[in-house]
Amino acid sequence: MATKIHEIEKIEAVMIEVEASFKFIAEGLKILNQQNYVLSNNHVPLQLLSSGVERILKILLLLKDKYLEGNFPELQKTRERFKNYDNGHGIEKCYWNYWNTRNR
């Protein structure tokens, strides 16, 4: 029973992360769309877009592990996994790993 509850909590956490990711991406696009000048300060909207995409890639890696292993990885395994991707900040590494091994 505790394992099932733990699994439900992880699924809920993934759903919250997906929603947050899309909010970051939507807000970044909204701000970029509202800018009047091409040379406007783009730091905030680009940071929002980057954060949203980074979160989505991390979620994809977790879901891939869930699909391949049958369970979400435990926290320690997740930390070890993201060390290979600059602790989750190596977006390009995450992207290529996901796409190069998606049919595994």
PDB file of N, CA and C in Angstrom:
ATOM      1  N   MET A   1       0.824  -1.198   0.000  1.00  0.00           N
ATOM      2  CA  MET A   1       0.000   0.000   0.000  1.00  0.00           C
ATOM      3  C   MET A   1       0.862   1.252   0.000  1.00  0.00           C
ATOM      4  N   ALA A   2       1.932   1.264   0.800  1.00  0.00           N
ATOM      5  CA  ALA A   2       2.809   2.433   0.865  1.00  0.00           C
ATOM      6  C   ALA A   2       3.469   2.683  -0.493  1.00  0.00           C
ATOM      7  N   THR A   3       3.810   1.603  -1.219  1.00  0.00           N
ATOM      8  CA  THR A   3       4.428   1.751  -2.534  1.00  0.00           C
ATOM      9  C   THR A   3       3.464   2.399  -3.509  1.00  0.00           C
ATOM     10  N   LYS A   4       2.202   2.008  -3.456  1.00  0.00           N
ATOM     11  CA  LYS A   4       1.186   2.577  -4.345  1.00  0.00           C
ATOM     12  C   LYS A   4       0.987   4.059  -4.041  1.00  0.00           C
ATOM     13  N   ILE A   5       0.947   4.419  -2.776  1.00  0.00           N
ATOM     14  CA  ILE A   5       0.803   5.819  -2.383  1.00  0.00           C
ATOM     15  C   ILE A   5       2.017   6.613  -2.861  1.00  0.00           C
ATOM     16  N   HIS A   6       3.205   6.043  -2.712  1.00  0.00           N
ATOM     17  CA  HIS A   6       4.440   6.681  -3.155  1.00  0.00           C
ATOM     18  C   HIS A   6       4.393   6.921  -4.666  1.00  0.00           C
ATOM     19  N   GLU A   7       3.909   5.951  -5.410  1.00  0.00           N
ATOM     20  CA  GLU A   7       3.795   6.059  -6.870  1.00  0.00           C
ATOM     21  C   GLU A   7       2.804   7.157  -7.251  1.00  0.00           C
ATOM     22  N   ILE A   8       1.683   7.236  -6.570  1.00  0.00           N
ATOM     23  CA  ILE A   8       0.684   8.276  -6.831  1.00  0.00           C
ATOM     24  C   ILE A   8       1.261   9.659  -6.545  1.00  0.00           C
ATOM     25  N   GLU A   9       2.019   9.781  -5.464  1.00  0.00           N
ATOM     26  CA  GLU A   9       2.659  11.062  -5.139  1.00  0.00           C
ATOM     27  C   GLU A   9       3.635  11.475  -6.235  1.00  0.00           C
ATOM     28  N   LYS A  10       4.379  10.534  -6.784  1.00  0.00           N
ATOM     29  CA  LYS A  10       5.324  10.850  -7.847  1.00  0.00           C
ATOM     30  C   LYS A  10       4.593  11.260  -9.122  1.00  0.00           C
ATOM     31  N   ILE A  11       3.501  10.592  -9.434  1.00  0.00           N
ATOM     32  CA  ILE A  11       2.706  10.958 -10.611  1.00  0.00           C
ATOM     33  C   ILE A  11       2.154  12.368 -10.449  1.00  0.00           C
ATOM     34  N   GLU A  12       1.671  12.684  -9.260  1.00  0.00           N
ATOM     35  CA  GLU A  12       1.152  14.025  -8.996  1.00  0.00           C
ATOM     36  C   GLU A  12       2.264  15.072  -9.132  1.00  0.00           C
ATOM     37  N   ALA A  13       3.454  14.763  -8.649  1.00  0.00           N
ATOM     38  CA  ALA A  13       4.589  15.686  -8.759  1.00  0.00           C
ATOM     39  C   ALA A  13       4.951  15.922 -10.228  1.00  0.00           C
ATOM     40  N   VAL A  14       4.904  14.875 -11.037  1.00  0.00           N
ATOM     41  CA  VAL A  14       5.182  15.022 -12.468  1.00  0.00           C
ATOM     42  C   VAL A  14       4.136  15.923 -13.110  1.00  0.00           C
ATOM     43  N   MET A  15       2.879  15.737 -12.768  1.00  0.00           N
ATOM     44  CA  MET A  15       1.811  16.578 -13.333  1.00  0.00           C
ATOM     45  C   MET A  15       2.005  18.045 -12.948  1.00  0.00           C
ATOM     46  N   ILE A  16       2.387  18.302 -11.716  1.00  0.00           N
ATOM     47  CA  ILE A  16       2.634  19.673 -11.261  1.00  0.00           C
ATOM     48  C   ILE A  16       3.800  20.280 -12.043  1.00  0.00           C
ATOM     49  N   GLU A  17       4.853  19.494 -12.254  1.00  0.00           N
ATOM     50  CA  GLU A  17       6.013  19.980 -13.009  1.00  0.00           C
ATOM     51  C   GLU A  17       5.654  20.274 -14.462  1.00  0.00           C
ATOM     52  N   VAL A  18       4.842  19.426 -15.077  1.00  0.00           N
ATOM     53  CA  VAL A  18       4.425  19.653 -16.466  1.00  0.00           C
ATOM     54  C   VAL A  18       3.622  20.951 -16.551  1.00  0.00           C
ATOM     55  N   GLU A  19       2.691  21.149 -15.626  1.00  0.00           N
ATOM     56  CA  GLU A  19       1.889  22.376 -15.623  1.00  0.00           C
ATOM     57  C   GLU A  19       2.775  23.607 -15.427  1.00  0.00           C
ATOM     58  N   ALA A  20       3.720  23.541 -14.505  1.00  0.00           N
ATOM     59  CA  ALA A  20       4.628  24.666 -14.262  1.00  0.00           C
ATOM     60  C   ALA A  20       5.476  24.939 -15.504  1.00  0.00           C
ATOM     61  N   SER A  21       5.943  23.883 -16.151  1.00  0.00           N
ATOM     62  CA  SER A  21       6.763  24.036 -17.355  1.00  0.00           C
ATOM     63  C   SER A  21       6.001  24.787 -18.433  1.00  0.00           C
ATOM     64  N   PHE A  22       4.768  24.384 -18.667  1.00  0.00           N
ATOM     65  CA  PHE A  22       3.979  25.040 -19.702  1.00  0.00           C
ATOM     66  C   PHE A  22       3.628  26.482 -19.328  1.00  0.00           C
ATOM     67  N   LYS A  23       3.453  26.751 -18.045  1.00  0.00           N
ATOM     68  CA  LYS A  23       3.211  28.131 -17.618  1.00  0.00           C
ATOM     69  C   LYS A  23       4.431  28.999 -17.881  1.00  0.00           C
ATOM     70  N   PHE A  24       5.632  28.474 -17.585  1.00  0.00           N
ATOM     71  CA  PHE A  24       6.860  29.219 -17.863  1.00  0.00           C
ATOM     72  C   PHE A  24       6.991  29.504 -19.356  1.00  0.00           C
ATOM     73  N   ILE A  25       6.777  28.482 -20.179  1.00  0.00           N
ATOM     74  CA  ILE A  25       6.900  28.639 -21.626  1.00  0.00           C
ATOM     75  C   ILE A  25       5.859  29.630 -22.148  1.00  0.00           C
ATOM     76  N   ALA A  26       4.623  29.487 -21.716  1.00  0.00           N
ATOM     77  CA  ALA A  26       3.554  30.391 -22.173  1.00  0.00           C
ATOM     78  C   ALA A  26       3.833  31.835 -21.768  1.00  0.00           C
ATOM     79  N   GLU A  27       4.293  32.037 -20.542  1.00  0.00           N
ATOM     80  CA  GLU A  27       4.581  33.392 -20.073  1.00  0.00           C
ATOM     81  C   GLU A  27       5.749  33.995 -20.843  1.00  0.00           C
ATOM     82  N   GLY A  28       6.778  33.210 -21.106  1.00  0.00           N
ATOM     83  CA  GLY A  28       7.914  33.698 -21.889  1.00  0.00           C
ATOM     84  C   GLY A  28       7.497  34.112 -23.290  1.00  0.00           C
ATOM     85  N   LEU A  29       6.675  33.286 -23.935  1.00  0.00           N
ATOM     86  CA  LEU A  29       6.184  33.623 -25.274  1.00  0.00           C
ATOM     87  C   LEU A  29       5.281  34.858 -25.246  1.00  0.00           C
ATOM     88  N   LYS A  30       4.459  34.959 -24.218  1.00  0.00           N
ATOM     89  CA  LYS A  30       3.563  36.117 -24.078  1.00  0.00           C
ATOM     90  C   LYS A  30       4.371  37.409 -23.959  1.00  0.00           C
ATOM     91  N   ILE A  31       5.400  37.405 -23.116  1.00  0.00           N
ATOM     92  CA  ILE A  31       6.226  38.601 -22.929  1.00  0.00           C
ATOM     93  C   ILE A  31       6.946  38.962 -24.228  1.00  0.00           C
ATOM     94  N   LEU A  32       7.512  37.964 -24.911  1.00  0.00           N
ATOM     95  CA  LEU A  32       8.179  38.237 -26.186  1.00  0.00           C
ATOM     96  C   LEU A  32       7.212  38.820 -27.203  1.00  0.00           C
ATOM     97  N   ASN A  33       6.010  38.297 -27.225  1.00  0.00           N
ATOM     98  CA  ASN A  33       4.990  38.765 -28.167  1.00  0.00           C
ATOM     99  C   ASN A  33       4.550  40.199 -27.873  1.00  0.00           C
ATOM    100  N   GLN A  34       4.594  40.621 -26.625  1.00  0.00           N
ATOM    101  CA  GLN A  34       4.146  41.956 -26.229  1.00  0.00           C
ATOM    102  C   GLN A  34       5.215  43.029 -26.398  1.00  0.00           C
ATOM    103  N   GLN A  35       6.444  42.622 -26.672  1.00  0.00           N
ATOM    104  CA  GLN A  35       7.516  43.605 -26.787  1.00  0.00           C
ATOM    105  C   GLN A  35       7.328  44.469 -28.037  1.00  0.00           C
ATOM    106  N   ASN A  36       7.630  45.760 -27.864  1.00  0.00           N
ATOM    107  CA  ASN A  36       7.469  46.715 -28.956  1.00  0.00           C
ATOM    108  C   ASN A  36       8.710  46.834 -29.831  1.00  0.00           C
ATOM    109  N   TYR A  37       9.860  46.515 -29.262  1.00  0.00           N
ATOM    110  CA  TYR A  37      11.110  46.709 -29.972  1.00  0.00           C
ATOM    111  C   TYR A  37      11.896  45.405 -30.017  1.00  0.00           C
ATOM    112  N   VAL A  38      12.561  45.180 -31.126  1.00  0.00           N
ATOM    113  CA  VAL A  38      13.381  43.979 -31.276  1.00  0.00           C
ATOM    114  C   VAL A  38      14.535  44.003 -30.278  1.00  0.00           C
ATOM    115  N   LEU A  39      15.035  45.188 -29.967  1.00  0.00           N
ATOM    116  CA  LEU A  39      16.187  45.309 -29.080  1.00  0.00           C
ATOM    117  C   LEU A  39      15.798  45.408 -27.612  1.00  0.00           C
ATOM    118  N   SER A  40      14.576  45.068 -27.293  1.00  0.00           N
ATOM    119  CA  SER A  40      14.135  45.095 -25.898  1.00  0.00           C
ATOM    120  C   SER A  40      14.942  44.106 -25.074  1.00  0.00           C
ATOM    121  N   ASN A  41      14.916  44.278 -23.767  1.00  0.00           N
ATOM    122  CA  ASN A  41      15.606  43.362 -22.864  1.00  0.00           C
ATOM    123  C   ASN A  41      14.865  42.029 -22.870  1.00  0.00           C
ATOM    124  N   ASN A  42      15.492  40.998 -23.423  1.00  0.00           N
ATOM    125  CA  ASN A  42      14.853  39.678 -23.564  1.00  0.00           C
ATOM    126  C   ASN A  42      15.247  38.693 -22.474  1.00  0.00           C
ATOM    127  N   HIS A  43      15.973  39.138 -21.469  1.00  0.00           N
ATOM    128  CA  HIS A  43      16.499  38.213 -20.464  1.00  0.00           C
ATOM    129  C   HIS A  43      15.383  37.424 -19.760  1.00  0.00           C
ATOM    130  N   VAL A  44      14.376  38.100 -19.276  1.00  0.00           N
ATOM    131  CA  VAL A  44      13.323  37.427 -18.504  1.00  0.00           C
ATOM    132  C   VAL A  44      12.537  36.441 -19.362  1.00  0.00           C
ATOM    133  N   PRO A  45      12.024  36.829 -20.528  1.00  0.00           N
ATOM    134  CA  PRO A  45      11.267  35.837 -21.303  1.00  0.00           C
ATOM    135  C   PRO A  45      12.125  34.656 -21.764  1.00  0.00           C
ATOM    136  N   LEU A  46      13.383  34.914 -22.097  1.00  0.00           N
ATOM    137  CA  LEU A  46      14.243  33.808 -22.510  1.00  0.00           C
ATOM    138  C   LEU A  46      14.558  32.879 -21.341  1.00  0.00           C
ATOM    139  N   GLN A  47      14.692  33.430 -20.143  1.00  0.00           N
ATOM    140  CA  GLN A  47      14.906  32.609 -18.951  1.00  0.00           C
ATOM    141  C   GLN A  47      13.674  31.743 -18.669  1.00  0.00           C
ATOM    142  N   LEU A  48      12.495  32.323 -18.840  1.00  0.00           N
ATOM    143  CA  LEU A  48      11.256  31.551 -18.645  1.00  0.00           C
ATOM    144  C   LEU A  48      11.166  30.411 -19.655  1.00  0.00           C
ATOM    145  N   LEU A  49      11.463  30.702 -20.925  1.00  0.00           N
ATOM    146  CA  LEU A  49      11.435  29.659 -21.953  1.00  0.00           C
ATOM    147  C   LEU A  49      12.458  28.566 -21.642  1.00  0.00           C
ATOM    148  N   SER A  50      13.648  28.965 -21.263  1.00  0.00           N
ATOM    149  CA  SER A  50      14.704  28.009 -20.943  1.00  0.00           C
ATOM    150  C   SER A  50      14.314  27.123 -19.771  1.00  0.00           C
ATOM    151  N   SER A  51      13.777  27.722 -18.728  1.00  0.00           N
ATOM    152  CA  SER A  51      13.367  26.947 -17.546  1.00  0.00           C
ATOM    153  C   SER A  51      12.258  25.961 -17.892  1.00  0.00           C
ATOM    154  N   GLY A  52      11.299  26.408 -18.698  1.00  0.00           N
ATOM    155  CA  GLY A  52      10.200  25.527 -19.087  1.00  0.00           C
ATOM    156  C   GLY A  52      10.673  24.332 -19.895  1.00  0.00           C
ATOM    157  N   VAL A  53      11.546  24.587 -20.873  1.00  0.00           N
ATOM    158  CA  VAL A  53      12.060  23.505 -21.718  1.00  0.00           C
ATOM    159  C   VAL A  53      12.932  22.559 -20.891  1.00  0.00           C
ATOM    160  N   GLU A  54      13.764  23.109 -20.022  1.00  0.00           N
ATOM    161  CA  GLU A  54      14.627  22.278 -19.173  1.00  0.00           C
ATOM    162  C   GLU A  54      13.793  21.343 -18.301  1.00  0.00           C
ATOM    163  N   ARG A  55      12.736  21.859 -17.716  1.00  0.00           N
ATOM    164  CA  ARG A  55      11.872  21.023 -16.870  1.00  0.00           C
ATOM    165  C   ARG A  55      11.217  19.912 -17.682  1.00  0.00           C
ATOM    166  N   ILE A  56      10.745  20.250 -18.882  1.00  0.00           N
ATOM    167  CA  ILE A  56      10.109  19.247 -19.741  1.00  0.00           C
ATOM    168  C   ILE A  56      11.108  18.137 -20.073  1.00  0.00           C
ATOM    169  N   LEU A  57      12.350  18.503 -20.398  1.00  0.00           N
ATOM    170  CA  LEU A  57      13.354  17.482 -20.716  1.00  0.00           C
ATOM    171  C   LEU A  57      13.647  16.593 -19.516  1.00  0.00           C
ATOM    172  N   LYS A  58      13.717  17.177 -18.330  1.00  0.00           N
ATOM    173  CA  LYS A  58      13.933  16.369 -17.128  1.00  0.00           C
ATOM    174  C   LYS A  58      12.767  15.405 -16.910  1.00  0.00           C
ATOM    175  N   ILE A  59      11.569  15.887 -17.127  1.00  0.00           N
ATOM    176  CA  ILE A  59      10.389  15.038 -16.969  1.00  0.00           C
ATOM    177  C   ILE A  59      10.431  13.894 -17.977  1.00  0.00           C
ATOM    178  N   LEU A  60      10.821  14.193 -19.218  1.00  0.00           N
ATOM    179  CA  LEU A  60      10.928  13.135 -20.225  1.00  0.00           C
ATOM    180  C   LEU A  60      11.922  12.065 -19.813  1.00  0.00           C
ATOM    181  N   LEU A  61      13.045  12.477 -19.230  1.00  0.00           N
ATOM    182  CA  LEU A  61      14.028  11.489 -18.763  1.00  0.00           C
ATOM    183  C   LEU A  61      13.452  10.627 -17.641  1.00  0.00           C
ATOM    184  N   LEU A  62      12.726  11.244 -16.722  1.00  0.00           N
ATOM    185  CA  LEU A  62      12.109  10.470 -15.637  1.00  0.00           C
ATOM    186  C   LEU A  62      11.062   9.499 -16.180  1.00  0.00           C
ATOM    187  N   LEU A  63      10.241   9.983 -17.116  1.00  0.00           N
ATOM    188  CA  LEU A  63       9.214   9.118 -17.692  1.00  0.00           C
ATOM    189  C   LEU A  63       9.832   7.988 -18.504  1.00  0.00           C
ATOM    190  N   LYS A  64      10.960   8.267 -19.144  1.00  0.00           N
ATOM    191  CA  LYS A  64      11.662   7.207 -19.874  1.00  0.00           C
ATOM    192  C   LYS A  64      12.121   6.120 -18.904  1.00  0.00           C
ATOM    193  N   ASP A  65      12.696   6.525 -17.773  1.00  0.00           N
ATOM    194  CA  ASP A  65      13.095   5.543 -16.761  1.00  0.00           C
ATOM    195  C   ASP A  65      11.897   4.756 -16.262  1.00  0.00           C
ATOM    196  N   LYS A  66      10.787   5.434 -16.039  1.00  0.00           N
ATOM    197  CA  LYS A  66       9.559   4.767 -15.571  1.00  0.00           C
ATOM    198  C   LYS A  66       9.115   3.726 -16.598  1.00  0.00           C
ATOM    199  N   TYR A  67       9.161   4.097 -17.869  1.00  0.00           N
ATOM    200  CA  TYR A  67       8.755   3.185 -18.933  1.00  0.00           C
ATOM    201  C   TYR A  67       9.685   1.977 -19.022  1.00  0.00           C
ATOM    202  N   LEU A  68      10.998   2.232 -18.954  1.00  0.00           N
ATOM    203  CA  LEU A  68      11.970   1.146 -19.113  1.00  0.00           C
ATOM    204  C   LEU A  68      12.069   0.249 -17.881  1.00  0.00           C
ATOM    205  N   GLU A  69      11.978   0.835 -16.694  1.00  0.00           N
ATOM    206  CA  GLU A  69      12.194   0.101 -15.448  1.00  0.00           C
ATOM    207  C   GLU A  69      10.894  -0.335 -14.769  1.00  0.00           C
ATOM    208  N   GLY A  70       9.783   0.324 -15.118  1.00  0.00           N
ATOM    209  CA  GLY A  70       8.508  -0.007 -14.495  1.00  0.00           C
ATOM    210  C   GLY A  70       8.194   0.841 -13.271  1.00  0.00           C
ATOM    211  N   ASN A  71       9.181   1.576 -12.790  1.00  0.00           N
ATOM    212  CA  ASN A  71       9.001   2.446 -11.623  1.00  0.00           C
ATOM    213  C   ASN A  71       9.752   3.752 -11.849  1.00  0.00           C
ATOM    214  N   PHE A  72       9.314   4.782 -11.145  1.00  0.00           N
ATOM    215  CA  PHE A  72      10.095   6.004 -11.153  1.00  0.00           C
ATOM    216  C   PHE A  72      11.403   5.747 -10.423  1.00  0.00           C
ATOM    217  N   PRO A  73      12.486   6.394 -10.867  1.00  0.00           N
ATOM    218  CA  PRO A  73      13.757   6.196 -10.146  1.00  0.00           C
ATOM    219  C   PRO A  73      13.682   6.818  -8.758  1.00  0.00           C
ATOM    220  N   GLU A  74      14.381   6.208  -7.829  1.00  0.00           N
ATOM    221  CA  GLU A  74      14.458   6.774  -6.482  1.00  0.00           C
ATOM    222  C   GLU A  74      15.321   8.032  -6.523  1.00  0.00           C
ATOM    223  N   LEU A  75      15.183   8.855  -5.500  1.00  0.00           N
ATOM    224  CA  LEU A  75      15.850  10.152  -5.469  1.00  0.00           C
ATOM    225  C   LEU A  75      17.353  10.035  -5.728  1.00  0.00           C
ATOM    226  N   GLN A  76      18.024   9.099  -5.059  1.00  0.00           N
ATOM    227  CA  GLN A  76      19.473   8.963  -5.232  1.00  0.00           C
ATOM    228  C   GLN A  76      19.825   8.607  -6.674  1.00  0.00           C
ATOM    229  N   LYS A  77      19.049   7.714  -7.283  1.00  0.00           N
ATOM    230  CA  LYS A  77      19.305   7.333  -8.675  1.00  0.00           C
ATOM    231  C   LYS A  77      19.078   8.531  -9.595  1.00  0.00           C
ATOM    232  N   THR A  78      18.079   9.326  -9.295  1.00  0.00           N
ATOM    233  CA  THR A  78      17.784  10.503 -10.099  1.00  0.00           C
ATOM    234  C   THR A  78      18.935  11.497 -10.025  1.00  0.00           C
ATOM    235  N   ARG A  79      19.449  11.711  -8.823  1.00  0.00           N
ATOM    236  CA  ARG A  79      20.594  12.620  -8.672  1.00  0.00           C
ATOM    237  C   ARG A  79      21.788  12.119  -9.468  1.00  0.00           C
ATOM    238  N   GLU A  80      22.044  10.826  -9.405  1.00  0.00           N
ATOM    239  CA  GLU A  80      23.164  10.256 -10.162  1.00  0.00           C
ATOM    240  C   GLU A  80      22.945  10.424 -11.664  1.00  0.00           C
ATOM    241  N   ARG A  81      21.723  10.198 -12.094  1.00  0.00           N
ATOM    242  CA  ARG A  81      21.407  10.315 -13.522  1.00  0.00           C
ATOM    243  C   ARG A  81      21.649  11.734 -14.019  1.00  0.00           C
ATOM    244  N   PHE A  82      21.210  12.725 -13.259  1.00  0.00           N
ATOM    245  CA  PHE A  82      21.346  14.105 -13.707  1.00  0.00           C
ATOM    246  C   PHE A  82      22.769  14.633 -13.595  1.00  0.00           C
ATOM    247  N   LYS A  83      23.642  13.945 -12.866  1.00  0.00           N
ATOM    248  CA  LYS A  83      25.059  14.343 -12.854  1.00  0.00           C
ATOM    249  C   LYS A  83      25.635  14.260 -14.261  1.00  0.00           C
ATOM    250  N   ASN A  84      25.144  13.307 -15.052  1.00  0.00           N
ATOM    251  CA  ASN A  84      25.597  13.171 -16.443  1.00  0.00           C
ATOM    252  C   ASN A  84      25.164  14.336 -17.310  1.00  0.00           C
ATOM    253  N   TYR A  85      24.216  15.113 -16.839  1.00  0.00           N
ATOM    254  CA  TYR A  85      23.667  16.239 -17.598  1.00  0.00           C
ATOM    255  C   TYR A  85      23.892  17.547 -16.852  1.00  0.00           C
ATOM    256  N   ASP A  86      25.079  17.713 -16.303  1.00  0.00           N
ATOM    257  CA  ASP A  86      25.419  18.940 -15.565  1.00  0.00           C
ATOM    258  C   ASP A  86      24.378  19.241 -14.498  1.00  0.00           C
ATOM    259  N   ASN A  87      24.006  18.220 -13.746  1.00  0.00           N
ATOM    260  CA  ASN A  87      22.991  18.313 -12.680  1.00  0.00           C
ATOM    261  C   ASN A  87      21.659  18.854 -13.185  1.00  0.00           C
ATOM    262  N   GLY A  88      21.313  18.462 -14.386  1.00  0.00           N
ATOM    263  CA  GLY A  88      20.030  18.857 -14.950  1.00  0.00           C
ATOM    264  C   GLY A  88      20.067  20.154 -15.721  1.00  0.00           C
ATOM    265  N   HIS A  89      21.229  20.795 -15.818  1.00  0.00           N
ATOM    266  CA  HIS A  89      21.316  22.064 -16.528  1.00  0.00           C
ATOM    267  C   HIS A  89      21.917  21.894 -17.918  1.00  0.00           C
ATOM    268  N   GLY A  90      22.270  20.700 -18.295  1.00  0.00           N
ATOM    269  CA  GLY A  90      22.819  20.436 -19.629  1.00  0.00           C
ATOM    270  C   GLY A  90      21.701  20.104 -20.586  1.00  0.00           C
ATOM    271  N   ILE A  91      20.970  21.118 -21.007  1.00  0.00           N
ATOM    272  CA  ILE A  91      19.783  20.908 -21.836  1.00  0.00           C
ATOM    273  C   ILE A  91      20.128  20.147 -23.106  1.00  0.00           C
ATOM    274  N   GLU A  92      21.200  20.536 -23.770  1.00  0.00           N
ATOM    275  CA  GLU A  92      21.552  19.872 -25.024  1.00  0.00           C
ATOM    276  C   GLU A  92      21.870  18.395 -24.789  1.00  0.00           C
ATOM    277  N   LYS A  93      22.584  18.086 -23.716  1.00  0.00           N
ATOM    278  CA  LYS A  93      22.900  16.690 -23.390  1.00  0.00           C
ATOM    279  C   LYS A  93      21.623  15.905 -23.104  1.00  0.00           C
ATOM    280  N   CYS A  94      20.704  16.498 -22.344  1.00  0.00           N
ATOM    281  CA  CYS A  94      19.423  15.838 -22.042  1.00  0.00           C
ATOM    282  C   CYS A  94      18.656  15.565 -23.330  1.00  0.00           C
ATOM    283  N   TYR A  95      18.603  16.566 -24.183  1.00  0.00           N
ATOM    284  CA  TYR A  95      17.853  16.453 -25.438  1.00  0.00           C
ATOM    285  C   TYR A  95      18.393  15.308 -26.287  1.00  0.00           C
ATOM    286  N   TRP A  96      19.699  15.300 -26.527  1.00  0.00           N
ATOM    287  CA  TRP A  96      20.264  14.270 -27.400  1.00  0.00           C
ATOM    288  C   TRP A  96      20.176  12.886 -26.773  1.00  0.00           C
ATOM    289  N   ASN A  97      20.313  12.789 -25.472  1.00  0.00           N
ATOM    290  CA  ASN A  97      20.162  11.484 -24.828  1.00  0.00           C
ATOM    291  C   ASN A  97      18.749  10.963 -25.015  1.00  0.00           C
ATOM    292  N   TYR A  98      17.776  11.832 -24.816  1.00  0.00           N
ATOM    293  CA  TYR A  98      16.387  11.397 -24.958  1.00  0.00           C
ATOM    294  C   TYR A  98      16.120  10.929 -26.391  1.00  0.00           C
ATOM    295  N   TRP A  99      16.489  11.724 -27.371  1.00  0.00           N
ATOM    296  CA  TRP A  99      16.164  11.393 -28.771  1.00  0.00           C
ATOM    297  C   TRP A  99      16.990  10.233 -29.298  1.00  0.00           C
ATOM    298  N   ASN A 100      18.246  10.118 -28.869  1.00  0.00           N
ATOM    299  CA  ASN A 100      19.084   9.028 -29.370  1.00  0.00           C
ATOM    300  C   ASN A 100      18.704   7.678 -28.786  1.00  0.00           C
ATOM    301  N   THR A 101      18.022   7.668 -27.651  1.00  0.00           N
ATOM    302  CA  THR A 101      17.676   6.393 -27.017  1.00  0.00           C
ATOM    303  C   THR A 101      16.171   6.206 -26.878  1.00  0.00           C
ATOM    304  N   ARG A 102      15.369   6.992 -27.556  1.00  0.00           N
ATOM    305  CA  ARG A 102      13.917   6.924 -27.364  1.00  0.00           C
ATOM    306  C   ARG A 102      13.294   5.603 -27.802  1.00  0.00           C
ATOM    307  N   ASN A 103      13.939   4.893 -28.677  1.00  0.00           N
ATOM    308  CA  ASN A 103      13.388   3.613 -29.141  1.00  0.00           C
ATOM    309  C   ASN A 103      13.958   2.421 -28.396  1.00  0.00           C
ATOM    310  N   ARG A 104      14.672   2.672 -27.333  1.00  0.00           N
ATOM    311  CA  ARG A 104      15.287   1.604 -26.545  1.00  0.00           C
ATOM    312  C   ARG A 104      14.280   0.730 -25.876  1.00  0.00           C
TER     313      ARG A 104
END
